[in-house]
């Protein structure tokens, strides 16, 4: 897999995670606890974060991602 494609995949995940975090805040302010939209948005955020962590761990394990230090 191309390095820039891997980077774009991680960035896309992070954008969707932040989007769901913002959606949770928006629903918290608008719904005032009347619906479960806040819980659903934050649950999706947690699930996406776990999937991203697992994908990165799998990539390191299989050798698709090579970890390096800062500036390395």
C-alpha atoms as a PDB file:
ATOM      1  CA  UNK A   1       0.000   0.000   0.000  1.00  0.00           C
ATOM      2  CA  UNK A   2       1.267   3.458  -0.876  1.00  0.00           C
ATOM      3  CA  UNK A   3       2.513   5.618   2.036  1.00  0.00           C
ATOM      4  CA  UNK A   4       0.329   8.562   1.063  1.00  0.00           C
ATOM      5  CA  UNK A   5      -2.724   6.284   0.889  1.00  0.00           C
ATOM      6  CA  UNK A   6      -2.014   5.045   4.420  1.00  0.00           C
ATOM      7  CA  UNK A   7      -1.665   8.618   5.626  1.00  0.00           C
ATOM      8  CA  UNK A   8      -4.919   9.637   3.947  1.00  0.00           C
ATOM      9  CA  UNK A   9      -6.712   6.668   5.509  1.00  0.00           C
ATOM     10  CA  UNK A  10      -5.552   7.636   9.010  1.00  0.00           C
ATOM     11  CA  UNK A  11      -6.416  11.301   8.432  1.00  0.00           C
ATOM     12  CA  UNK A  12      -9.869  10.336   7.121  1.00  0.00           C
ATOM     13  CA  UNK A  13     -10.479   8.267  10.251  1.00  0.00           C
ATOM     14  CA  UNK A  14      -9.390  11.184  12.461  1.00  0.00           C
ATOM     15  CA  UNK A  15     -11.678  13.616  10.603  1.00  0.00           C
ATOM     16  CA  UNK A  16     -14.672  11.296  11.031  1.00  0.00           C
ATOM     17  CA  UNK A  17     -13.802  10.821  14.716  1.00  0.00           C
ATOM     18  CA  UNK A  18     -13.675  14.581  15.298  1.00  0.00           C
ATOM     19  CA  UNK A  19     -16.899  14.999  13.288  1.00  0.00           C
ATOM     20  CA  UNK A  20     -18.693  12.522  15.559  1.00  0.00           C
ATOM     21  CA  UNK A  21     -17.296  14.266  18.625  1.00  0.00           C
ATOM     22  CA  UNK A  22     -18.691  17.563  17.321  1.00  0.00           C
ATOM     23  CA  UNK A  23     -22.009  15.918  16.502  1.00  0.00           C
ATOM     24  CA  UNK A  24     -22.188  14.607  20.056  1.00  0.00           C
ATOM     25  CA  UNK A  25     -21.611  18.113  21.420  1.00  0.00           C
ATOM     26  CA  UNK A  26     -24.203  19.580  19.044  1.00  0.00           C
ATOM     27  CA  UNK A  27     -26.832  16.987  19.973  1.00  0.00           C
ATOM     28  CA  UNK A  28     -26.031  17.493  23.666  1.00  0.00           C
ATOM     29  CA  UNK A  29     -26.791  21.216  23.351  1.00  0.00           C
ATOM     30  CA  UNK A  30     -29.831  20.895  21.076  1.00  0.00           C
ATOM     31  CA  UNK A  31     -31.646  17.830  22.412  1.00  0.00           C
ATOM     32  CA  UNK A  32     -31.147  18.539  26.131  1.00  0.00           C
ATOM     33  CA  UNK A  33     -31.191  14.815  26.952  1.00  0.00           C
ATOM     34  CA  UNK A  34     -34.471  14.059  25.182  1.00  0.00           C
ATOM     35  CA  UNK A  35     -33.016  11.715  22.550  1.00  0.00           C
ATOM     36  CA  UNK A  36     -30.173   9.218  22.343  1.00  0.00           C
ATOM     37  CA  UNK A  37     -28.414  10.996  19.457  1.00  0.00           C
ATOM     38  CA  UNK A  38     -25.608  12.190  21.736  1.00  0.00           C
ATOM     39  CA  UNK A  39     -24.934   8.676  22.997  1.00  0.00           C
ATOM     40  CA  UNK A  40     -25.035   7.289  19.461  1.00  0.00           C
ATOM     41  CA  UNK A  41     -22.568   9.882  18.147  1.00  0.00           C
ATOM     42  CA  UNK A  42     -20.140   9.297  21.009  1.00  0.00           C
ATOM     43  CA  UNK A  43     -20.486   5.514  20.652  1.00  0.00           C
ATOM     44  CA  UNK A  44     -19.581   5.798  16.964  1.00  0.00           C
ATOM     45  CA  UNK A  45     -16.586   7.946  17.923  1.00  0.00           C
ATOM     46  CA  UNK A  46     -15.333   5.348  20.381  1.00  0.00           C
ATOM     47  CA  UNK A  47     -15.886   2.514  17.896  1.00  0.00           C
ATOM     48  CA  UNK A  48     -13.994   4.382  15.161  1.00  0.00           C
ATOM     49  CA  UNK A  49     -11.139   5.136  17.559  1.00  0.00           C
ATOM     50  CA  UNK A  50     -10.863   1.459  18.510  1.00  0.00           C
ATOM     51  CA  UNK A  51     -10.942   0.409  14.838  1.00  0.00           C
ATOM     52  CA  UNK A  52      -8.208   2.935  13.993  1.00  0.00           C
ATOM     53  CA  UNK A  53      -6.011   1.707  16.836  1.00  0.00           C
ATOM     54  CA  UNK A  54      -6.533  -1.906  15.764  1.00  0.00           C
ATOM     55  CA  UNK A  55      -5.740  -1.062  12.118  1.00  0.00           C
ATOM     56  CA  UNK A  56      -2.524   0.686  13.107  1.00  0.00           C
ATOM     57  CA  UNK A  57      -1.543  -2.227  15.366  1.00  0.00           C
ATOM     58  CA  UNK A  58      -2.316  -4.700  12.573  1.00  0.00           C
ATOM     59  CA  UNK A  59      -0.308  -2.607  10.113  1.00  0.00           C
ATOM     60  CA  UNK A  60       2.692  -2.573  12.428  1.00  0.00           C
ATOM     61  CA  UNK A  61       2.354  -6.311  13.099  1.00  0.00           C
ATOM     62  CA  UNK A  62       2.171  -7.208   9.395  1.00  0.00           C
ATOM     63  CA  UNK A  63       4.911  -4.776   8.402  1.00  0.00           C
ATOM     64  CA  UNK A  64       2.760  -2.442   6.289  1.00  0.00           C
ATOM     65  CA  UNK A  65       3.548   0.364   8.714  1.00  0.00           C
ATOM     66  CA  UNK A  66       7.068   0.839   9.963  1.00  0.00           C
ATOM     67  CA  UNK A  67       7.166   2.837  13.211  1.00  0.00           C
ATOM     68  CA  UNK A  68       9.971   5.334  13.647  1.00  0.00           C
ATOM     69  CA  UNK A  69      11.001   7.986  16.118  1.00  0.00           C
ATOM     70  CA  UNK A  70      10.454  11.699  15.704  1.00  0.00           C
ATOM     71  CA  UNK A  71      12.594  12.926  12.809  1.00  0.00           C
ATOM     72  CA  UNK A  72      13.453   9.368  11.821  1.00  0.00           C
END
